[in-house]
């Protein structure tokens, strides 16, 4: 039978489109042989240091199947901020979220856990927060209108309930996409508590390449997608907010009901970045989000000319190299939450025409010149003032 590819549709606060197809039979050698991404990011080398133990990754998504054998025992009780839509057993339930959770923390199953899917941080825990519905859920449109604030609420809830990393393999890159103050503030709240926040760059590389949110909010670590050949995936959105790249094509992941999928998107790329951060936080729990961001960018593989570009950010993540570099770091005190950018930051991004931010202000110089003129005039008046005895000072 020829596999059928199902393409997701873009919508506000929905998962970045994820194509899925029936995986090959769930045999250990068949599945593991297809997990090219783990080799690409040097997972085995990183696992000599840590596999993510002690770290909880919040997956803000469509829900997670905690009973999947590759995730069993790793998933915390779910927080559902939608409250309706598909449930367990329905074909449109928790497919996307389960896949992302398995990329982050799948641990396989069976004797020696040789079967199934391995995540990048297989000993991390997953905190599922249901903030969106699957693209094919019959209640999707209702969720868009009635639960528009679920993402912002989910970020804050995760930050207050034990998340060490927040993964958002989702976004809005529609024509009407725009920054939401509540979401921006929620992200700054999480960052202020020392929690790195990750998002997918968007899948609009061939469909308008529009700005995607939450990827474009300040402080977010944003992932673009690469293929197994190391090139940019054609669907991957290209913008100034790209931080790093990660595998995002032909990615094997868990599916509810003990099944597996092969998919693409910047969604799995973001999940790999969150897995890499989970490894770093496991070994170095006191590093700030800013330090972790610098570790990812300074140790990235295949760094573009000039250090970064909109296609790859700083390059392909290398958690093994980041862990080595982190050994020489001292934690920096967590600074207050950064102020949100003004609205004009969103849209085309900083350009060479933004001279207002770099031009020398005229007011201080004008005021200074006026002050000097007044001083000079005062000096002349002082010298020419009438002397008590009719004489001028010599």
Protein backbone atom coordinates (compact mmCIF):
# COMPACT_ATOMS: atom_id res chain seq x y z
CA UNK A 1 0.00 0.00 0.00
CA UNK A 2 1.29 3.45 -0.89
CA UNK A 3 1.51 5.67 2.22
CA UNK A 4 -0.81 8.67 2.22
CA UNK A 5 0.63 12.00 3.29
CA UNK A 6 -1.69 14.15 5.36
CA UNK A 7 -0.73 17.83 5.43
CA UNK A 8 -1.81 19.98 8.35
CA UNK A 9 -3.38 23.36 7.72
CA UNK A 10 -2.12 26.57 9.25
CA UNK A 11 -4.31 28.21 11.87
CA UNK A 12 -3.94 30.56 14.79
CA UNK A 13 -2.29 28.90 17.74
CA UNK A 14 -2.17 25.60 15.93
CA UNK A 15 0.69 23.19 15.52
CA UNK A 16 3.10 23.96 12.78
CA UNK A 17 1.94 21.78 9.92
CA UNK A 18 3.14 18.22 10.34
CA UNK A 19 2.93 15.69 7.57
CA UNK A 20 2.45 12.16 8.85
CA UNK A 21 2.44 8.77 7.22
CA UNK A 22 2.26 5.19 8.44
CA UNK A 23 5.66 4.11 9.66
CA UNK A 24 7.32 0.86 8.74
CA UNK A 25 6.49 -2.09 11.05
CA UNK A 26 7.49 -1.25 14.60
CA UNK A 27 10.64 -3.32 14.70
CA UNK A 28 13.62 -2.10 16.66
CA UNK A 29 16.14 -2.21 13.85
CA UNK A 30 13.73 -0.62 11.36
CA UNK A 31 12.77 2.31 13.61
CA UNK A 32 16.18 2.99 15.10
CA UNK A 33 17.81 2.84 11.68
CA UNK A 34 15.54 5.69 10.57
CA UNK A 35 16.45 7.94 13.52
CA UNK A 36 19.14 9.75 11.58
CA UNK A 37 18.59 12.87 13.64
CA UNK A 38 20.19 11.46 16.80
CA UNK A 39 23.43 10.81 14.96
CA UNK A 40 23.33 14.24 13.31
CA UNK A 41 23.22 16.03 16.68
CA UNK A 42 25.78 13.71 18.32
CA UNK A 43 23.34 12.31 20.84
CA UNK A 44 25.51 9.33 21.78
CA UNK A 45 28.39 11.61 22.76
CA UNK A 46 26.09 13.80 24.81
CA UNK A 47 24.69 10.76 26.62
CA UNK A 48 28.15 10.07 28.07
CA UNK A 49 27.43 13.12 30.27
CA UNK A 50 23.66 12.96 30.81
CA UNK A 51 20.41 11.67 29.37
CA UNK A 52 18.29 14.42 30.85
CA UNK A 53 17.59 13.02 34.29
CA UNK A 54 16.04 15.44 36.76
CA UNK A 55 14.64 17.77 34.09
CA UNK A 56 10.98 18.34 33.20
CA UNK A 57 10.04 19.61 29.75
CA UNK A 58 6.61 21.17 29.37
CA UNK A 59 5.07 20.24 26.02
CA UNK A 60 2.44 22.86 25.13
CA UNK A 61 0.58 21.05 22.41
CA UNK A 62 -2.45 18.85 21.61
CA UNK A 63 -1.95 16.50 24.56
CA UNK A 64 0.30 13.50 25.12
CA UNK A 65 -0.54 9.79 25.26
CA UNK A 66 1.03 8.87 28.58
CA UNK A 67 0.35 5.19 27.95
CA UNK A 68 2.48 4.88 24.84
CA UNK A 69 5.15 2.28 25.65
CA UNK A 70 7.96 4.65 24.65
CA UNK A 71 6.71 7.29 27.10
CA UNK A 72 5.28 5.19 29.89
CA UNK A 73 6.39 6.38 33.30
CA UNK A 74 7.83 9.63 31.91
CA UNK A 75 4.68 11.75 31.63
CA UNK A 76 3.27 13.92 34.40
CA UNK A 77 -0.51 14.40 34.77
CA UNK A 78 -1.82 16.54 31.95
CA UNK A 79 -3.18 20.06 32.31
CA UNK A 80 -5.98 20.56 29.75
CA UNK A 81 -6.63 24.24 29.05
CA UNK A 82 -8.98 23.55 26.14
CA UNK A 83 -11.51 21.26 27.82
CA UNK A 84 -13.20 19.86 24.73
CA UNK A 85 -12.38 18.23 21.42
CA UNK A 86 -11.17 14.71 20.64
CA UNK A 87 -10.30 12.25 23.41
CA UNK A 88 -8.35 9.01 23.79
CA UNK A 89 -9.18 6.57 21.03
CA UNK A 90 -10.14 9.26 18.53
CA UNK A 91 -7.91 9.56 15.45
CA UNK A 92 -7.48 13.30 16.02
CA UNK A 93 -6.38 13.09 19.64
CA UNK A 94 -2.89 13.97 20.88
CA UNK A 95 -1.09 12.89 17.72
CA UNK A 96 1.10 15.94 17.41
CA UNK A 97 1.85 16.32 21.11
CA UNK A 98 2.70 12.64 21.54
CA UNK A 99 5.11 12.86 18.63
CA UNK A 100 6.88 15.90 20.08
CA UNK A 101 7.11 14.30 23.53
CA UNK A 102 8.73 11.20 22.04
CA UNK A 103 11.33 13.29 20.18
CA UNK A 104 12.23 14.96 23.46
CA UNK A 105 12.04 12.08 25.95
CA UNK A 106 11.11 8.81 24.27
CA UNK A 107 12.88 5.93 26.01
CA UNK A 108 11.92 2.96 23.84
CA UNK A 109 10.50 -0.21 25.31
CA UNK A 110 10.95 -3.95 25.51
CA UNK A 111 13.93 -5.92 26.72
CA UNK A 112 16.74 -3.44 27.26
CA UNK A 113 14.45 -0.84 25.68
CA UNK A 114 15.74 -1.84 22.28
CA UNK A 115 12.36 -1.36 20.63
CA UNK A 116 10.61 1.84 19.70
CA UNK A 117 11.78 5.45 19.53
CA UNK A 118 14.53 7.15 21.50
CA UNK A 119 14.28 10.82 22.29
CA UNK A 120 17.24 13.17 22.62
CA UNK A 121 16.78 13.34 26.41
CA UNK A 122 15.37 9.86 27.19
CA UNK A 123 15.49 10.30 30.97
CA UNK A 124 13.73 13.67 31.06
CA UNK A 125 10.12 13.95 32.14
CA UNK A 126 7.26 15.41 30.14
CA UNK A 127 4.70 17.88 31.51
CA UNK A 128 1.85 17.96 28.97
CA UNK A 129 -0.20 21.14 28.71
CA UNK A 130 -3.03 20.95 26.19
CA UNK A 131 -3.42 24.37 24.61
CA UNK A 132 -4.46 23.55 21.02
CA UNK A 133 -6.38 20.93 19.07
CA UNK A 134 -5.24 18.81 16.15
CA UNK A 135 -5.79 20.33 12.73
CA UNK A 136 -8.45 17.74 11.89
CA UNK A 137 -10.34 18.00 15.18
CA UNK A 138 -13.98 18.91 14.57
CA UNK A 139 -13.83 21.41 17.45
CA UNK A 140 -10.81 23.24 16.09
CA UNK A 141 -12.62 26.41 15.04
CA UNK A 142 -14.42 26.61 18.36
CA UNK A 143 -11.10 26.35 20.18
CA UNK A 144 -9.68 29.18 18.10
CA UNK A 145 -12.33 31.58 19.32
CA UNK A 146 -13.17 30.35 22.80
CA UNK A 147 -9.67 29.37 23.94
CA UNK A 148 -7.55 32.01 22.24
CA UNK A 149 -5.73 32.73 25.52
CA UNK A 150 -4.84 29.11 26.25
CA UNK A 151 -1.25 29.44 25.04
CA UNK A 152 -0.47 32.38 27.32
CA UNK A 153 -2.17 30.65 30.24
CA UNK A 154 -0.29 27.43 29.47
CA UNK A 155 3.08 29.14 29.51
CA UNK A 156 2.43 30.65 32.92
CA UNK A 157 0.97 27.42 34.28
CA UNK A 158 4.00 25.42 33.14
CA UNK A 159 6.38 28.00 34.61
CA UNK A 160 4.61 27.71 37.97
CA UNK A 161 4.36 23.90 38.00
CA UNK A 162 7.84 22.57 37.65
CA UNK A 163 8.84 23.10 34.03
CA UNK A 164 12.58 23.42 33.42
CA UNK A 165 12.10 23.93 29.68
CA UNK A 166 9.00 25.00 27.74
CA UNK A 167 8.54 23.54 24.26
CA UNK A 168 6.08 25.13 21.83
CA UNK A 169 6.09 23.17 18.58
CA UNK A 170 3.32 25.38 17.28
CA UNK A 171 2.71 28.78 15.81
CA UNK A 172 0.57 31.18 13.85
CA UNK A 173 2.03 32.31 10.53
CA UNK A 174 -1.27 33.14 8.87
CA UNK A 175 -1.86 36.46 7.10
CA UNK A 176 -3.55 37.74 10.24
CA UNK A 177 -0.75 36.68 12.60
CA UNK A 178 0.25 39.37 15.07
CA UNK A 179 1.84 39.65 18.52
CA UNK A 180 -0.45 39.12 21.48
CA UNK A 181 0.55 41.07 24.61
CA UNK A 182 -0.63 38.25 26.90
CA UNK A 183 1.60 35.71 25.17
CA UNK A 184 4.55 38.07 25.12
CA UNK A 185 4.13 38.81 28.83
CA UNK A 186 3.79 35.10 29.66
CA UNK A 187 7.04 34.32 27.86
CA UNK A 188 8.84 37.11 29.71
CA UNK A 189 7.41 35.70 32.94
CA UNK A 190 8.87 32.26 32.20
CA UNK A 191 12.23 33.71 31.19
CA UNK A 192 12.26 35.78 34.34
CA UNK A 193 11.92 32.56 36.34
CA UNK A 194 14.95 31.12 34.56
CA UNK A 195 13.05 28.82 32.17
CA UNK A 196 14.19 28.63 28.53
CA UNK A 197 11.33 28.87 26.01
CA UNK A 198 11.55 27.15 22.61
CA UNK A 199 9.33 27.53 19.53
CA UNK A 200 9.26 26.39 15.93
CA UNK A 201 10.14 28.97 13.28
CA UNK A 202 7.16 28.13 11.08
CA UNK A 203 6.50 26.10 7.96
CA UNK A 204 5.90 28.99 5.57
CA UNK A 205 9.15 28.86 3.65
CA UNK A 206 7.26 28.04 0.46
CA UNK A 207 4.02 29.76 1.38
CA UNK A 208 4.72 33.44 1.92
CA UNK A 209 7.47 33.09 4.54
CA UNK A 210 5.43 35.15 7.00
CA UNK A 211 6.49 35.93 10.55
CA UNK A 212 5.29 33.31 13.04
CA UNK A 213 4.31 33.70 16.66
CA UNK A 214 5.37 32.69 19.30
CA UNK A 215 8.66 32.28 17.42
CA UNK A 216 9.11 36.05 17.00
CA UNK A 217 8.65 37.05 20.63
CA UNK A 218 11.77 38.39 22.37
CA UNK A 219 13.82 35.80 24.23
CA UNK A 220 12.38 32.73 22.49
CA UNK A 221 14.88 30.17 21.21
CA UNK A 222 13.55 29.50 17.71
CA UNK A 223 14.29 26.40 15.64
CA UNK A 224 14.48 26.14 11.87
CA UNK A 225 14.56 22.74 10.15
CA UNK A 226 17.24 20.89 8.20
CA UNK A 227 17.17 17.65 6.20
CA UNK A 228 19.34 14.56 6.61
CA UNK A 229 21.70 16.11 4.03
CA UNK A 230 22.22 19.14 6.25
CA UNK A 231 20.47 21.63 4.00
CA UNK A 232 17.59 23.88 4.94
CA UNK A 233 14.25 22.15 4.59
CA UNK A 234 12.33 24.02 1.89
CA UNK A 235 9.29 24.50 4.10
CA UNK A 236 11.29 26.08 6.93
CA UNK A 237 10.49 29.76 7.50
CA UNK A 238 13.42 32.16 7.20
CA UNK A 239 13.47 35.21 9.44
CA UNK A 240 15.66 37.28 11.74
CA UNK A 241 14.41 35.39 14.79
CA UNK A 242 16.04 32.07 13.75
CA UNK A 243 18.28 30.98 16.62
CA UNK A 244 19.52 27.51 15.63
CA UNK A 245 18.50 24.69 13.32
CA UNK A 246 17.65 21.07 14.09
CA UNK A 247 16.47 17.97 12.21
CA UNK A 248 12.99 18.41 10.80
CA UNK A 249 12.50 16.05 7.87
CA UNK A 250 11.69 12.32 7.86
CA UNK A 251 11.55 12.23 11.64
CA UNK A 252 10.32 9.04 13.34
CA UNK A 253 8.11 9.64 16.36
CA UNK A 254 5.52 7.98 18.55
CA UNK A 255 1.82 8.09 17.73
CA UNK A 256 -1.07 7.35 20.13
CA UNK A 257 -2.27 3.76 20.36
CA UNK A 258 1.26 2.29 20.34
CA UNK A 259 1.94 3.34 16.76
CA UNK A 260 4.66 5.34 15.01
CA UNK A 261 4.80 8.10 12.42
CA UNK A 262 7.29 9.69 10.08
CA UNK A 263 6.84 13.42 9.75
CA UNK A 264 8.33 16.76 8.86
CA UNK A 265 8.14 20.32 10.11
CA UNK A 266 9.79 22.90 12.29
CA UNK A 267 7.71 21.30 15.05
CA UNK A 268 10.11 18.34 15.43
CA UNK A 269 13.04 20.74 15.03
CA UNK A 270 11.84 22.66 18.09
CA UNK A 271 11.40 19.41 20.00
CA UNK A 272 15.03 18.47 19.29
CA UNK A 273 16.17 21.88 20.54
CA UNK A 274 14.16 21.39 23.74
CA UNK A 275 15.72 17.97 24.15
CA UNK A 276 19.18 19.51 23.80
CA UNK A 277 18.33 22.12 26.44
CA UNK A 278 17.06 19.36 28.74
CA UNK A 279 20.49 17.72 28.52
CA UNK A 280 22.23 21.01 29.33
CA UNK A 281 19.92 21.77 32.25
CA UNK A 282 20.36 18.26 33.62
CA UNK A 283 24.13 18.71 33.85
CA UNK A 284 24.07 22.45 34.64
CA UNK A 285 20.74 23.33 36.25
CA UNK A 286 21.74 26.84 37.34
CA UNK A 287 22.56 28.27 33.92
CA UNK A 288 20.28 31.10 32.80
CA UNK A 289 18.21 31.04 29.60
CA UNK A 290 20.61 33.57 28.10
CA UNK A 291 23.62 31.38 28.90
CA UNK A 292 21.90 28.34 27.42
CA UNK A 293 21.05 30.28 24.29
CA UNK A 294 24.69 31.33 23.91
CA UNK A 295 25.85 27.75 24.44
CA UNK A 296 23.58 26.51 21.66
CA UNK A 297 24.64 29.21 19.22
CA UNK A 298 28.37 29.24 20.01
CA UNK A 299 28.73 25.45 19.67
CA UNK A 300 26.44 24.90 16.69
CA UNK A 301 27.66 22.83 13.75
CA UNK A 302 28.02 24.15 10.20
CA UNK A 303 27.76 27.75 11.30
CA UNK A 304 26.87 30.04 8.37
CA UNK A 305 29.29 32.62 7.08
CA UNK A 306 29.18 35.56 9.42
CA UNK A 307 27.99 33.46 12.37
CA UNK A 308 24.27 33.25 11.57
CA UNK A 309 21.67 33.68 8.89
CA UNK A 310 17.90 33.49 8.60
CA UNK A 311 17.98 29.95 7.16
CA UNK A 312 19.91 28.18 9.91
CA UNK A 313 20.28 30.64 12.73
CA UNK A 314 23.72 29.92 14.17
CA UNK A 315 23.75 26.40 12.72
CA UNK A 316 22.80 22.83 13.62
CA UNK A 317 22.55 22.11 17.35
CA UNK A 318 25.31 20.03 18.93
CA UNK A 319 24.35 19.25 22.54
CA UNK A 320 27.55 17.24 23.09
CA UNK A 321 29.66 20.29 22.24
CA UNK A 322 27.38 22.52 24.31
CA UNK A 323 27.83 20.27 27.34
CA UNK A 324 31.60 20.42 26.96
CA UNK A 325 31.53 24.21 26.73
CA UNK A 326 29.18 24.48 29.70
CA UNK A 327 31.76 22.85 31.95
CA UNK A 328 33.72 26.12 31.88
CA UNK A 329 30.77 28.37 32.68
CA UNK A 330 29.73 29.86 35.96
CA UNK A 331 26.01 30.51 36.42
CA UNK A 332 25.08 34.16 36.17
CA UNK A 333 22.41 35.65 38.42
CA UNK A 334 19.01 35.60 36.80
CA UNK A 335 18.19 39.10 35.63
CA UNK A 336 14.70 40.54 35.73
CA UNK A 337 12.46 39.63 32.85
CA UNK A 338 13.46 41.57 29.71
CA UNK A 339 11.13 44.26 28.56
CA UNK A 340 8.99 43.38 25.58
CA UNK A 341 9.83 44.99 22.26
CA UNK A 342 7.60 47.71 20.91
CA UNK A 343 5.13 46.73 18.22
CA UNK A 344 7.36 47.98 15.42
CA UNK A 345 9.83 45.18 16.21
CA UNK A 346 7.29 42.76 14.80
CA UNK A 347 6.84 42.56 11.07
CA UNK A 348 9.84 42.84 8.75
CA UNK A 349 12.27 43.04 11.67
CA UNK A 350 15.21 45.40 12.16
CA UNK A 351 16.41 47.02 8.91
CA UNK A 352 19.13 49.38 7.80
CA UNK A 353 16.52 52.13 7.61
CA UNK A 354 15.99 52.12 11.36
CA UNK A 355 18.24 55.16 11.72
CA UNK A 356 16.16 56.62 14.52
CA UNK A 357 17.68 54.12 16.91
CA UNK A 358 21.28 54.85 15.93
CA UNK A 359 21.38 58.56 14.98
CA UNK A 360 23.02 60.96 17.42
CA UNK A 361 20.29 62.74 19.38
CA UNK A 362 20.19 66.47 18.57
CA UNK A 363 18.69 67.67 21.83
CA UNK A 364 21.69 67.18 24.19
CA UNK A 365 24.06 68.90 21.75
CA UNK A 366 21.67 71.80 21.14
CA UNK A 367 21.10 72.27 24.83
CA UNK A 368 24.84 72.16 25.48
CA UNK A 369 25.57 74.75 22.81
CA UNK A 370 22.90 77.03 24.20
CA UNK A 371 24.38 76.66 27.65
CA UNK A 372 27.85 77.64 26.43
CA UNK A 373 26.42 80.68 24.67
CA UNK A 374 24.73 81.80 27.87
CA UNK A 375 27.93 81.38 29.83
CA UNK A 376 29.85 83.44 27.30
CA UNK A 377 27.25 86.20 27.40
CA UNK A 378 27.36 86.22 31.18
CA UNK A 379 31.12 86.60 31.11
CA UNK A 380 30.94 89.60 28.77
CA UNK A 381 28.30 91.28 30.93
CA UNK A 382 30.40 90.67 34.02
CA UNK A 383 33.45 92.29 32.46
CA UNK A 384 31.43 95.31 31.24
CA UNK A 385 29.39 95.86 34.39
CA UNK A 386 29.60 99.38 36.00
CA UNK A 387 32.33 99.57 38.64
CA UNK A 388 31.44 101.09 42.02
CA UNK A 389 34.21 103.68 41.56
CA UNK A 390 33.65 104.30 37.86
CA UNK A 391 36.56 102.00 36.86
CA UNK A 392 36.42 98.65 34.96
CA UNK A 393 38.33 95.70 36.26
CA UNK A 394 41.78 95.36 34.72
